[in-house]
PDB file of N, CA and C in Angstrom:
ATOM      1  N   MET A   1      18.362  24.273  39.647  1.00  0.00           N
ATOM      2  CA  MET A   1      19.298  23.164  39.736  1.00  0.00           C
ATOM      3  C   MET A   1      19.429  22.754  41.203  1.00  0.00           C
ATOM      4  N   SER A   2      19.468  21.470  41.434  1.00  0.00           N
ATOM      5  CA  SER A   2      19.644  20.954  42.786  1.00  0.00           C
ATOM      6  C   SER A   2      21.060  21.206  43.272  1.00  0.00           C
ATOM      7  N   GLY A   3      21.260  21.144  44.587  1.00  0.00           N
ATOM      8  CA  GLY A   3      22.570  21.359  45.182  1.00  0.00           C
ATOM      9  C   GLY A   3      23.575  20.282  44.826  1.00  0.00           C
ATOM     10  N   ARG A   4      24.829  20.629  44.950  1.00  0.00           N
ATOM     11  CA  ARG A   4      25.930  19.719  44.638  1.00  0.00           C
ATOM     12  C   ARG A   4      26.020  18.601  45.668  1.00  0.00           C
ATOM     13  N   ALA A   5      26.562  17.461  45.211  1.00  0.00           N
ATOM     14  CA  ALA A   5      26.796  16.326  46.100  1.00  0.00           C
ATOM     15  C   ALA A   5      28.208  15.804  45.882  1.00  0.00           C
ATOM     16  N   VAL A   6      28.890  15.488  46.978  1.00  0.00           N
ATOM     17  CA  VAL A   6      30.221  14.887  46.927  1.00  0.00           C
ATOM     18  C   VAL A   6      30.174  13.584  47.706  1.00  0.00           C
ATOM     19  N   VAL A   7      30.629  12.518  47.069  1.00  0.00           N
ATOM     20  CA  VAL A   7      30.756  11.227  47.734  1.00  0.00           C
ATOM     21  C   VAL A   7      32.238  10.896  47.778  1.00  0.00           C
ATOM     22  N   SER A   8      32.782  10.841  48.988  1.00  0.00           N
ATOM     23  CA  SER A   8      34.190  10.521  49.182  1.00  0.00           C
ATOM     24  C   SER A   8      34.304   9.027  49.477  1.00  0.00           C
ATOM     25  N   LEU A   9      35.159   8.351  48.714  1.00  0.00           N
ATOM     26  CA  LEU A   9      35.299   6.900  48.848  1.00  0.00           C
ATOM     27  C   LEU A   9      36.766   6.546  49.000  1.00  0.00           C
ATOM     28  N   THR A  10      37.097   5.828  50.069  1.00  0.00           N
ATOM     29  CA  THR A  10      38.480   5.415  50.322  1.00  0.00           C
ATOM     30  C   THR A  10      38.700   3.932  50.073  1.00  0.00           C
ATOM     31  N   THR A  11      37.629   3.199  49.883  1.00  0.00           N
ATOM     32  CA  THR A  11      37.683   1.741  49.802  1.00  0.00           C
ATOM     33  C   THR A  11      37.573   1.258  48.375  1.00  0.00           C
ATOM     34  N   GLY A  12      38.326   0.247  48.045  1.00  0.00           N
ATOM     35  CA  GLY A  12      38.236  -0.386  46.738  1.00  0.00           C
ATOM     36  C   GLY A  12      37.518  -1.715  46.848  1.00  0.00           C
ATOM     37  N   LEU A  13      37.858  -2.620  45.973  1.00  0.00           N
ATOM     38  CA  LEU A  13      37.159  -3.905  45.912  1.00  0.00           C
ATOM     39  C   LEU A  13      37.436  -4.820  47.097  1.00  0.00           C
ATOM     40  N   GLU A  14      38.287  -4.404  48.033  1.00  0.00           N
ATOM     41  CA  GLU A  14      38.457  -5.191  49.251  1.00  0.00           C
ATOM     42  C   GLU A  14      37.180  -5.150  50.100  1.00  0.00           C
ATOM     43  N   ASP A  15      36.299  -4.171  49.837  1.00  0.00           N
ATOM     44  CA  ASP A  15      35.001  -4.089  50.508  1.00  0.00           C
ATOM     45  C   ASP A  15      33.944  -3.708  49.469  1.00  0.00           C
ATOM     46  N   PRO A  16      33.543  -4.675  48.629  1.00  0.00           N
ATOM     47  CA  PRO A  16      32.630  -4.354  47.533  1.00  0.00           C
ATOM     48  C   PRO A  16      31.263  -3.849  47.985  1.00  0.00           C
ATOM     49  N   GLU A  17      30.823  -4.222  49.168  1.00  0.00           N
ATOM     50  CA  GLU A  17      29.532  -3.711  49.648  1.00  0.00           C
ATOM     51  C   GLU A  17      29.613  -2.217  49.924  1.00  0.00           C
ATOM     52  N   LYS A  18      30.705  -1.769  50.536  1.00  0.00           N
ATOM     53  CA  LYS A  18      30.881  -0.337  50.796  1.00  0.00           C
ATOM     54  C   LYS A  18      30.971   0.433  49.478  1.00  0.00           C
ATOM     55  N   VAL A  19      31.691  -0.122  48.510  1.00  0.00           N
ATOM     56  CA  VAL A  19      31.797   0.511  47.190  1.00  0.00           C
ATOM     57  C   VAL A  19      30.410   0.623  46.556  1.00  0.00           C
ATOM     58  N   THR A  20      29.630  -0.446  46.656  1.00  0.00           N
ATOM     59  CA  THR A  20      28.282  -0.443  46.083  1.00  0.00           C
ATOM     60  C   THR A  20      27.416   0.627  46.727  1.00  0.00           C
ATOM     61  N   VAL A  21      27.446   0.733  48.044  1.00  0.00           N
ATOM     62  CA  VAL A  21      26.645   1.738  48.734  1.00  0.00           C
ATOM     63  C   VAL A  21      27.063   3.146  48.302  1.00  0.00           C
ATOM     64  N   ALA A  22      28.360   3.400  48.222  1.00  0.00           N
ATOM     65  CA  ALA A  22      28.839   4.720  47.797  1.00  0.00           C
ATOM     66  C   ALA A  22      28.349   5.037  46.386  1.00  0.00           C
ATOM     67  N   PHE A  23      28.433   4.056  45.495  1.00  0.00           N
ATOM     68  CA  PHE A  23      27.963   4.284  44.128  1.00  0.00           C
ATOM     69  C   PHE A  23      26.454   4.470  44.072  1.00  0.00           C
ATOM     70  N   LEU A  24      25.702   3.734  44.882  1.00  0.00           N
ATOM     71  CA  LEU A  24      24.251   3.917  44.898  1.00  0.00           C
ATOM     72  C   LEU A  24      23.881   5.331  45.328  1.00  0.00           C
ATOM     73  N   VAL A  25      24.573   5.860  46.331  1.00  0.00           N
ATOM     74  CA  VAL A  25      24.321   7.232  46.775  1.00  0.00           C
ATOM     75  C   VAL A  25      24.678   8.220  45.665  1.00  0.00           C
ATOM     76  N   ALA A  26      25.820   8.017  45.031  1.00  0.00           N
ATOM     77  CA  ALA A  26      26.254   8.914  43.959  1.00  0.00           C
ATOM     78  C   ALA A  26      25.328   8.838  42.746  1.00  0.00           C
ATOM     79  N   VAL A  27      24.939   7.635  42.363  1.00  0.00           N
ATOM     80  CA  VAL A  27      24.021   7.468  41.234  1.00  0.00           C
ATOM     81  C   VAL A  27      22.690   8.147  41.537  1.00  0.00           C
ATOM     82  N   GLY A  28      22.188   7.961  42.750  1.00  0.00           N
ATOM     83  CA  GLY A  28      20.927   8.590  43.135  1.00  0.00           C
ATOM     84  C   GLY A  28      20.981  10.101  43.005  1.00  0.00           C
ATOM     85  N   ALA A  29      22.078  10.700  43.454  1.00  0.00           N
ATOM     86  CA  ALA A  29      22.217  12.153  43.361  1.00  0.00           C
ATOM     87  C   ALA A  29      22.316  12.599  41.902  1.00  0.00           C
ATOM     88  N   ALA A  30      23.170  11.935  41.140  1.00  0.00           N
ATOM     89  CA  ALA A  30      23.384  12.326  39.739  1.00  0.00           C
ATOM     90  C   ALA A  30      22.113  12.147  38.910  1.00  0.00           C
ATOM     91  N   GLU A  31      21.405  11.038  39.132  1.00  0.00           N
ATOM     92  CA  GLU A  31      20.186  10.796  38.352  1.00  0.00           C
ATOM     93  C   GLU A  31      19.053  11.749  38.730  1.00  0.00           C
ATOM     94  N   GLN A  32      19.158  12.400  39.869  1.00  0.00           N
ATOM     95  CA  GLN A  32      18.156  13.407  40.241  1.00  0.00           C
ATOM     96  C   GLN A  32      18.562  14.805  39.794  1.00  0.00           C
ATOM     97  N   GLY A  33      19.657  14.880  39.029  1.00  0.00           N
ATOM     98  CA  GLY A  33      20.068  16.154  38.468  1.00  0.00           C
ATOM     99  C   GLY A  33      21.041  16.951  39.312  1.00  0.00           C
ATOM    100  N   ARG A  34      21.512  16.387  40.402  1.00  0.00           N
ATOM    101  CA  ARG A  34      22.502  17.098  41.213  1.00  0.00           C
ATOM    102  C   ARG A  34      23.872  16.988  40.556  1.00  0.00           C
ATOM    103  N   PRO A  35      24.616  18.081  40.455  1.00  0.00           N
ATOM    104  CA  PRO A  35      26.012  17.957  40.044  1.00  0.00           C
ATOM    105  C   PRO A  35      26.709  17.091  41.099  1.00  0.00           C
ATOM    106  N   THR A  36      27.298  15.997  40.680  1.00  0.00           N
ATOM    107  CA  THR A  36      27.830  15.010  41.633  1.00  0.00           C
ATOM    108  C   THR A  36      29.272  14.667  41.302  1.00  0.00           C
ATOM    109  N   LEU A  37      30.098  14.642  42.351  1.00  0.00           N
ATOM    110  CA  LEU A  37      31.507  14.315  42.239  1.00  0.00           C
ATOM    111  C   LEU A  37      31.820  13.194  43.220  1.00  0.00           C
ATOM    112  N   MET A  38      32.511  12.159  42.739  1.00  0.00           N
ATOM    113  CA  MET A  38      33.054  11.147  43.634  1.00  0.00           C
ATOM    114  C   MET A  38      34.542  11.437  43.787  1.00  0.00           C
ATOM    115  N   PHE A  39      34.975  11.647  45.029  1.00  0.00           N
ATOM    116  CA  PHE A  39      36.383  11.890  45.328  1.00  0.00           C
ATOM    117  C   PHE A  39      36.969  10.552  45.766  1.00  0.00           C
ATOM    118  N   LEU A  40      37.821   9.977  44.919  1.00  0.00           N
ATOM    119  CA  LEU A  40      38.386   8.648  45.159  1.00  0.00           C
ATOM    120  C   LEU A  40      39.787   8.781  45.744  1.00  0.00           C
ATOM    121  N   THR A  41      39.992   8.145  46.901  1.00  0.00           N
ATOM    122  CA  THR A  41      41.295   8.165  47.562  1.00  0.00           C
ATOM    123  C   THR A  41      41.669   6.746  47.975  1.00  0.00           C
ATOM    124  N   LYS A  42      42.895   6.594  48.440  1.00  0.00           N
ATOM    125  CA  LYS A  42      43.415   5.300  48.891  1.00  0.00           C
ATOM    126  C   LYS A  42      43.148   4.224  47.827  1.00  0.00           C
ATOM    127  N   GLU A  43      42.620   3.074  48.207  1.00  0.00           N
ATOM    128  CA  GLU A  43      42.391   1.978  47.254  1.00  0.00           C
ATOM    129  C   GLU A  43      41.295   2.288  46.242  1.00  0.00           C
ATOM    130  N   ALA A  44      40.426   3.234  46.548  1.00  0.00           N
ATOM    131  CA  ALA A  44      39.337   3.571  45.626  1.00  0.00           C
ATOM    132  C   ALA A  44      39.831   4.148  44.311  1.00  0.00           C
ATOM    133  N   VAL A  45      41.060   4.682  44.271  1.00  0.00           N
ATOM    134  CA  VAL A  45      41.554   5.264  43.017  1.00  0.00           C
ATOM    135  C   VAL A  45      41.565   4.223  41.899  1.00  0.00           C
ATOM    136  N   ARG A  46      41.730   2.968  42.241  1.00  0.00           N
ATOM    137  CA  ARG A  46      41.765   1.903  41.231  1.00  0.00           C
ATOM    138  C   ARG A  46      40.428   1.752  40.507  1.00  0.00           C
ATOM    139  N   LEU A  47      39.338   2.165  41.143  1.00  0.00           N
ATOM    140  CA  LEU A  47      38.010   2.027  40.546  1.00  0.00           C
ATOM    141  C   LEU A  47      37.831   2.899  39.310  1.00  0.00           C
ATOM    142  N   ALA A  48      38.665   3.914  39.156  1.00  0.00           N
ATOM    143  CA  ALA A  48      38.561   4.829  38.014  1.00  0.00           C
ATOM    144  C   ALA A  48      39.469   4.418  36.860  1.00  0.00           C
ATOM    145  N   THR A  49      40.042   3.224  36.934  1.00  0.00           N
ATOM    146  CA  THR A  49      40.912   2.763  35.848  1.00  0.00           C
ATOM    147  C   THR A  49      40.271   1.582  35.137  1.00  0.00           C
ATOM    148  N   GLY A  50      40.142   1.719  33.847  1.00  0.00           N
ATOM    149  CA  GLY A  50      39.695   0.622  32.985  1.00  0.00           C
ATOM    150  C   GLY A  50      38.551  -0.197  33.528  1.00  0.00           C
ATOM    151  N   SER A  51      38.780  -1.485  33.666  1.00  0.00           N
ATOM    152  CA  SER A  51      37.711  -2.394  34.059  1.00  0.00           C
ATOM    153  C   SER A  51      37.878  -2.900  35.492  1.00  0.00           C
ATOM    154  N   VAL A  52      38.388  -2.076  36.389  1.00  0.00           N
ATOM    155  CA  VAL A  52      38.600  -2.503  37.775  1.00  0.00           C
ATOM    156  C   VAL A  52      37.290  -2.627  38.538  1.00  0.00           C
ATOM    157  N   ALA A  53      36.351  -1.731  38.312  1.00  0.00           N
ATOM    158  CA  ALA A  53      35.072  -1.776  39.027  1.00  0.00           C
ATOM    159  C   ALA A  53      34.204  -2.877  38.437  1.00  0.00           C
ATOM    160  N   THR A  54      34.465  -4.093  38.867  1.00  0.00           N
ATOM    161  CA  THR A  54      33.750  -5.254  38.336  1.00  0.00           C
ATOM    162  C   THR A  54      33.122  -6.037  39.473  1.00  0.00           C
ATOM    163  N   GLY A  55      32.193  -6.896  39.123  1.00  0.00           N
ATOM    164  CA  GLY A  55      31.617  -7.816  40.095  1.00  0.00           C
ATOM    165  C   GLY A  55      30.308  -7.327  40.676  1.00  0.00           C
ATOM    166  N   VAL A  56      29.762  -8.179  41.537  1.00  0.00           N
ATOM    167  CA  VAL A  56      28.524  -7.922  42.252  1.00  0.00           C
ATOM    168  C   VAL A  56      28.829  -8.127  43.726  1.00  0.00           C
ATOM    169  N   ALA A  57      28.515  -7.143  44.556  1.00  0.00           N
ATOM    170  CA  ALA A  57      28.901  -7.179  45.960  1.00  0.00           C
ATOM    171  C   ALA A  57      28.128  -8.202  46.777  1.00  0.00           C
ATOM    172  N   CYS A  58      26.862  -8.400  46.443  1.00  0.00           N
ATOM    173  CA  CYS A  58      26.036  -9.292  47.249  1.00  0.00           C
ATOM    174  C   CYS A  58      24.841  -9.753  46.423  1.00  0.00           C
ATOM    175  N   SER A  59      24.186 -10.762  46.917  1.00  0.00           N
ATOM    176  CA  SER A  59      22.989 -11.256  46.249  1.00  0.00           C
ATOM    177  C   SER A  59      21.948 -10.138  46.216  1.00  0.00           C
ATOM    178  N   GLY A  60      21.485  -9.810  45.020  1.00  0.00           N
ATOM    179  CA  GLY A  60      20.510  -8.744  44.865  1.00  0.00           C
ATOM    180  C   GLY A  60      21.107  -7.368  44.646  1.00  0.00           C
ATOM    181  N   CYS A  61      22.414  -7.239  44.801  1.00  0.00           N
ATOM    182  CA  CYS A  61      23.075  -5.948  44.556  1.00  0.00           C
ATOM    183  C   CYS A  61      23.254  -5.738  43.054  1.00  0.00           C
ATOM    184  N   PRO A  62      23.172  -4.494  42.607  1.00  0.00           N
ATOM    185  CA  PRO A  62      23.429  -4.237  41.184  1.00  0.00           C
ATOM    186  C   PRO A  62      24.913  -4.427  40.882  1.00  0.00           C
ATOM    187  N   PRO A  63      25.241  -4.906  39.690  1.00  0.00           N
ATOM    188  CA  PRO A  63      26.644  -5.062  39.307  1.00  0.00           C
ATOM    189  C   PRO A  63      27.356  -3.704  39.288  1.00  0.00           C
ATOM    190  N   LEU A  64      28.591  -3.694  39.762  1.00  0.00           N
ATOM    191  CA  LEU A  64      29.360  -2.440  39.795  1.00  0.00           C
ATOM    192  C   LEU A  64      29.511  -1.794  38.416  1.00  0.00           C
ATOM    193  N   PRO A  65      29.767  -2.561  37.346  1.00  0.00           N
ATOM    194  CA  PRO A  65      29.867  -1.895  36.038  1.00  0.00           C
ATOM    195  C   PRO A  65      28.594  -1.137  35.651  1.00  0.00           C
ATOM    196  N   ASP A  66      27.431  -1.667  36.037  1.00  0.00           N
ATOM    197  CA  ASP A  66      26.174  -0.972  35.750  1.00  0.00           C
ATOM    198  C   ASP A  66      26.087   0.347  36.512  1.00  0.00           C
ATOM    199  N   LEU A  67      26.534   0.332  37.775  1.00  0.00           N
ATOM    200  CA  LEU A  67      26.501   1.556  38.576  1.00  0.00           C
ATOM    201  C   LEU A  67      27.457   2.609  38.017  1.00  0.00           C
ATOM    202  N   VAL A  68      28.639   2.189  37.610  1.00  0.00           N
ATOM    203  CA  VAL A  68      29.602   3.117  37.016  1.00  0.00           C
ATOM    204  C   VAL A  68      29.010   3.726  35.743  1.00  0.00           C
ATOM    205  N   ARG A  69      28.414   2.890  34.900  1.00  0.00           N
ATOM    206  CA  ARG A  69      27.814   3.382  33.654  1.00  0.00           C
ATOM    207  C   ARG A  69      26.685   4.355  33.946  1.00  0.00           C
ATOM    208  N   ARG A  70      25.787   4.007  34.864  1.00  0.00           N
ATOM    209  CA  ARG A  70      24.663   4.887  35.194  1.00  0.00           C
ATOM    210  C   ARG A  70      25.158   6.224  35.743  1.00  0.00           C
ATOM    211  N   TYR A  71      26.177   6.161  36.576  1.00  0.00           N
ATOM    212  CA  TYR A  71      26.734   7.375  37.170  1.00  0.00           C
ATOM    213  C   TYR A  71      27.294   8.295  36.088  1.00  0.00           C
ATOM    214  N   GLN A  72      28.083   7.736  35.202  1.00  0.00           N
ATOM    215  CA  GLN A  72      28.651   8.545  34.122  1.00  0.00           C
ATOM    216  C   GLN A  72      27.562   9.047  33.177  1.00  0.00           C
ATOM    217  N   ASP A  73      26.590   8.198  32.839  1.00  0.00           N
ATOM    218  CA  ASP A  73      25.495   8.601  31.951  1.00  0.00           C
ATOM    219  C   ASP A  73      24.690   9.766  32.532  1.00  0.00           C
ATOM    220  N   ALA A  74      24.622   9.833  33.869  1.00  0.00           N
ATOM    221  CA  ALA A  74      23.874  10.905  34.534  1.00  0.00           C
ATOM    222  C   ALA A  74      24.723  12.161  34.720  1.00  0.00           C
ATOM    223  N   GLY A  75      25.955  12.138  34.218  1.00  0.00           N
ATOM    224  CA  GLY A  75      26.816  13.316  34.299  1.00  0.00           C
ATOM    225  C   GLY A  75      27.729  13.351  35.508  1.00  0.00           C
ATOM    226  N   GLY A  76      27.752  12.273  36.295  1.00  0.00           N
ATOM    227  CA  GLY A  76      28.634  12.221  37.455  1.00  0.00           C
ATOM    228  C   GLY A  76      30.096  12.186  37.039  1.00  0.00           C
ATOM    229  N   THR A  77      30.944  12.795  37.862  1.00  0.00           N
ATOM    230  CA  THR A  77      32.373  12.832  37.571  1.00  0.00           C
ATOM    231  C   THR A  77      33.170  12.293  38.755  1.00  0.00           C
ATOM    232  N   PHE A  78      34.434  11.968  38.474  1.00  0.00           N
ATOM    233  CA  PHE A  78      35.347  11.441  39.482  1.00  0.00           C
ATOM    234  C   PHE A  78      36.544  12.373  39.597  1.00  0.00           C
ATOM    235  N   LEU A  79      36.946  12.660  40.817  1.00  0.00           N
ATOM    236  CA  LEU A  79      38.205  13.328  41.091  1.00  0.00           C
ATOM    237  C   LEU A  79      39.073  12.293  41.799  1.00  0.00           C
ATOM    238  N   VAL A  80      40.179  11.935  41.182  1.00  0.00           N
ATOM    239  CA  VAL A  80      41.036  10.850  41.653  1.00  0.00           C
ATOM    240  C   VAL A  80      42.255  11.457  42.341  1.00  0.00           C
ATOM    241  N   CYS A  81      42.439  11.131  43.602  1.00  0.00           N
ATOM    242  CA  CYS A  81      43.531  11.699  44.397  1.00  0.00           C
ATOM    243  C   CYS A  81      44.874  11.484  43.701  1.00  0.00           C
ATOM    244  N   SER A  82      45.541  12.592  43.409  1.00  0.00           N
ATOM    245  CA  SER A  82      46.814  12.512  42.694  1.00  0.00           C
ATOM    246  C   SER A  82      47.895  11.825  43.527  1.00  0.00           C
ATOM    247  N   VAL A  83      47.946  12.080  44.808  1.00  0.00           N
ATOM    248  CA  VAL A  83      48.956  11.471  45.670  1.00  0.00           C
ATOM    249  C   VAL A  83      48.754   9.956  45.734  1.00  0.00           C
ATOM    250  N   CYS A  84      47.510   9.534  45.941  1.00  0.00           N
ATOM    251  CA  CYS A  84      47.201   8.100  46.031  1.00  0.00           C
ATOM    252  C   CYS A  84      47.467   7.389  44.708  1.00  0.00           C
ATOM    253  N   PHE A  85      47.065   8.021  43.617  1.00  0.00           N
ATOM    254  CA  PHE A  85      47.219   7.442  42.284  1.00  0.00           C
ATOM    255  C   PHE A  85      48.692   7.230  41.956  1.00  0.00           C
ATOM    256  N   THR A  86      49.496   8.256  42.221  1.00  0.00           N
ATOM    257  CA  THR A  86      50.929   8.176  41.958  1.00  0.00           C
ATOM    258  C   THR A  86      51.598   7.143  42.856  1.00  0.00           C
ATOM    259  N   ALA A  87      51.213   7.110  44.126  1.00  0.00           N
ATOM    260  CA  ALA A  87      51.812   6.173  45.079  1.00  0.00           C
ATOM    261  C   ALA A  87      51.584   4.720  44.669  1.00  0.00           C
ATOM    262  N   LYS A  88      50.500   4.466  43.963  1.00  0.00           N
ATOM    263  CA  LYS A  88      50.186   3.103  43.528  1.00  0.00           C
ATOM    264  C   LYS A  88      50.801   2.773  42.164  1.00  0.00           C
ATOM    265  N   GLY A  89      51.484   3.734  41.553  1.00  0.00           N
ATOM    266  CA  GLY A  89      52.141   3.497  40.275  1.00  0.00           C
ATOM    267  C   GLY A  89      51.168   3.254  39.135  1.00  0.00           C
ATOM    268  N   LEU A  90      49.984   3.856  39.211  1.00  0.00           N
ATOM    269  CA  LEU A  90      48.969   3.649  38.176  1.00  0.00           C
ATOM    270  C   LEU A  90      49.229   4.552  36.974  1.00  0.00           C
ATOM    271  N   ASP A  91      48.646   4.171  35.838  1.00  0.00           N
ATOM    272  CA  ASP A  91      48.858   4.858  34.573  1.00  0.00           C
ATOM    273  C   ASP A  91      47.661   5.752  34.257  1.00  0.00           C
ATOM    274  N   GLU A  92      47.894   7.040  34.155  1.00  0.00           N
ATOM    275  CA  GLU A  92      46.825   8.012  33.905  1.00  0.00           C
ATOM    276  C   GLU A  92      46.080   7.755  32.599  1.00  0.00           C
ATOM    277  N   SER A  93      46.731   7.129  31.633  1.00  0.00           N
ATOM    278  CA  SER A  93      46.074   6.849  30.354  1.00  0.00           C
ATOM    279  C   SER A  93      44.965   5.792  30.502  1.00  0.00           C
ATOM    280  N   GLN A  94      44.903   5.118  31.634  1.00  0.00           N
ATOM    281  CA  GLN A  94      43.878   4.090  31.853  1.00  0.00           C
ATOM    282  C   GLN A  94      42.649   4.600  32.595  1.00  0.00           C
ATOM    283  N   LEU A  95      42.610   5.901  32.878  1.00  0.00           N
ATOM    284  CA  LEU A  95      41.450   6.465  33.570  1.00  0.00           C
ATOM    285  C   LEU A  95      40.201   6.379  32.700  1.00  0.00           C
ATOM    286  N   ILE A  96      39.065   6.134  33.336  1.00  0.00           N
ATOM    287  CA  ILE A  96      37.800   6.145  32.613  1.00  0.00           C
ATOM    288  C   ILE A  96      37.472   7.582  32.225  1.00  0.00           C
ATOM    289  N   SER A  97      36.550   7.747  31.300  1.00  0.00           N
ATOM    290  CA  SER A  97      36.320   9.053  30.675  1.00  0.00           C
ATOM    291  C   SER A  97      35.874  10.151  31.635  1.00  0.00           C
ATOM    292  N   ALA A  98      35.139   9.835  32.671  1.00  0.00           N
ATOM    293  CA  ALA A  98      34.611  10.865  33.563  1.00  0.00           C
ATOM    294  C   ALA A  98      35.557  11.180  34.721  1.00  0.00           C
ATOM    295  N   ALA A  99      36.782  10.653  34.673  1.00  0.00           N
ATOM    296  CA  ALA A  99      37.722  10.817  35.787  1.00  0.00           C
ATOM    297  C   ALA A  99      38.852  11.772  35.430  1.00  0.00           C
ATOM    298  N   GLU A 100      39.281  12.515  36.440  1.00  0.00           N
ATOM    299  CA  GLU A 100      40.467  13.346  36.289  1.00  0.00           C
ATOM    300  C   GLU A 100      41.271  13.286  37.580  1.00  0.00           C
ATOM    301  N   ILE A 101      42.557  13.472  37.436  1.00  0.00           N
ATOM    302  CA  ILE A 101      43.467  13.476  38.579  1.00  0.00           C
ATOM    303  C   ILE A 101      43.417  14.844  39.245  1.00  0.00           C
ATOM    304  N   GLY A 102      43.402  14.862  40.557  1.00  0.00           N
ATOM    305  CA  GLY A 102      43.411  16.117  41.290  1.00  0.00           C
ATOM    306  C   GLY A 102      43.543  15.845  42.775  1.00  0.00           C
ATOM    307  N   GLY A 103      43.419  16.893  43.536  1.00  0.00           N
ATOM    308  CA  GLY A 103      43.577  16.754  44.979  1.00  0.00           C
ATOM    309  C   GLY A 103      42.604  17.623  45.732  1.00  0.00           C
ATOM    310  N   THR A 104      42.987  17.964  46.949  1.00  0.00           N
ATOM    311  CA  THR A 104      42.077  18.701  47.813  1.00  0.00           C
ATOM    312  C   THR A 104      41.793  20.113  47.302  1.00  0.00           C
ATOM    313  N   VAL A 105      42.754  20.732  46.637  1.00  0.00           N
ATOM    314  CA  VAL A 105      42.511  22.074  46.090  1.00  0.00           C
ATOM    315  C   VAL A 105      41.393  22.002  45.053  1.00  0.00           C
ATOM    316  N   GLN A 106      41.489  21.042  44.144  1.00  0.00           N
ATOM    317  CA  GLN A 106      40.446  20.880  43.123  1.00  0.00           C
ATOM    318  C   GLN A 106      39.108  20.486  43.750  1.00  0.00           C
ATOM    319  N   LEU A 107      39.149  19.686  44.803  1.00  0.00           N
ATOM    320  CA  LEU A 107      37.916  19.304  45.502  1.00  0.00           C
ATOM    321  C   LEU A 107      37.228  20.541  46.071  1.00  0.00           C
ATOM    322  N   TRP A 108      37.968  21.382  46.766  1.00  0.00           N
ATOM    323  CA  TRP A 108      37.375  22.582  47.341  1.00  0.00           C
ATOM    324  C   TRP A 108      36.925  23.564  46.268  1.00  0.00           C
ATOM    325  N   GLN A 109      37.642  23.644  45.164  1.00  0.00           N
ATOM    326  CA  GLN A 109      37.195  24.500  44.065  1.00  0.00           C
ATOM    327  C   GLN A 109      35.857  24.007  43.529  1.00  0.00           C
ATOM    328  N   TRP A 110      35.707  22.691  43.397  1.00  0.00           N
ATOM    329  CA  TRP A 110      34.463  22.125  42.874  1.00  0.00           C
ATOM    330  C   TRP A 110      33.317  22.368  43.850  1.00  0.00           C
ATOM    331  N   ILE A 111      33.584  22.206  45.150  1.00  0.00           N
ATOM    332  CA  ILE A 111      32.544  22.400  46.166  1.00  0.00           C
ATOM    333  C   ILE A 111      32.055  23.853  46.161  1.00  0.00           C
ATOM    334  N   GLY A 112      32.966  24.785  45.980  1.00  0.00           N
ATOM    335  CA  GLY A 112      32.567  26.190  45.939  1.00  0.00           C
ATOM    336  C   GLY A 112      31.891  26.629  47.222  1.00  0.00           C
ATOM    337  N   ASP A 113      30.651  27.117  47.099  1.00  0.00           N
ATOM    338  CA  ASP A 113      29.925  27.631  48.253  1.00  0.00           C
ATOM    339  C   ASP A 113      29.230  26.546  49.073  1.00  0.00           C
ATOM    340  N   GLY A 114      29.364  25.295  48.666  1.00  0.00           N
ATOM    341  CA  GLY A 114      28.774  24.241  49.495  1.00  0.00           C
ATOM    342  C   GLY A 114      28.304  23.041  48.716  1.00  0.00           C
ATOM    343  N   ALA A 115      28.234  21.938  49.416  1.00  0.00           N
ATOM    344  CA  ALA A 115      27.752  20.682  48.843  1.00  0.00           C
ATOM    345  C   ALA A 115      27.333  19.760  49.976  1.00  0.00           C
ATOM    346  N   THR A 116      26.438  18.865  49.676  1.00  0.00           N
ATOM    347  CA  THR A 116      26.093  17.787  50.591  1.00  0.00           C
ATOM    348  C   THR A 116      27.157  16.721  50.407  1.00  0.00           C
ATOM    349  N   THR A 117      27.723  16.231  51.503  1.00  0.00           N
ATOM    350  CA  THR A 117      28.819  15.274  51.401  1.00  0.00           C
ATOM    351  C   THR A 117      28.496  13.962  52.098  1.00  0.00           C
ATOM    352  N   PHE A 118      29.035  12.900  51.550  1.00  0.00           N
ATOM    353  CA  PHE A 118      28.940  11.561  52.124  1.00  0.00           C
ATOM    354  C   PHE A 118      30.352  10.972  52.074  1.00  0.00           C
ATOM    355  N   SER A 119      30.697  10.195  53.076  1.00  0.00           N
ATOM    356  CA  SER A 119      32.028   9.627  53.113  1.00  0.00           C
ATOM    357  C   SER A 119      31.953   8.130  53.410  1.00  0.00           C
ATOM    358  N   TYR A 120      32.633   7.341  52.575  1.00  0.00           N
ATOM    359  CA  TYR A 120      32.643   5.886  52.724  1.00  0.00           C
ATOM    360  C   TYR A 120      34.067   5.376  52.690  1.00  0.00           C
TER     361      TYR A 120
END
């Protein structure tokens, strides 16, 4: 099995190009068989709710819904910052299937003995 990968994302749709790049990195890792976790904080927590991850960031960029689907289909998961999620008054029942609420303790538990990390 390939090594673990963590992609930390703080940006939401206010910067769709950054979101797209983060998802491309995560999709690439997950589709190559790496256990992959996206840690969503700040505005990025909204991306794990319902149909928020929508649109196309740029001409020639893949649509965000396609990237989310590919990521989940490849077994990728989301850890959604509990503090950020609560601060925004979001509803946990609207989380997409591969997402769970958690924080830094859960992140470090998932990382275990190590992971390759990317931060956006």
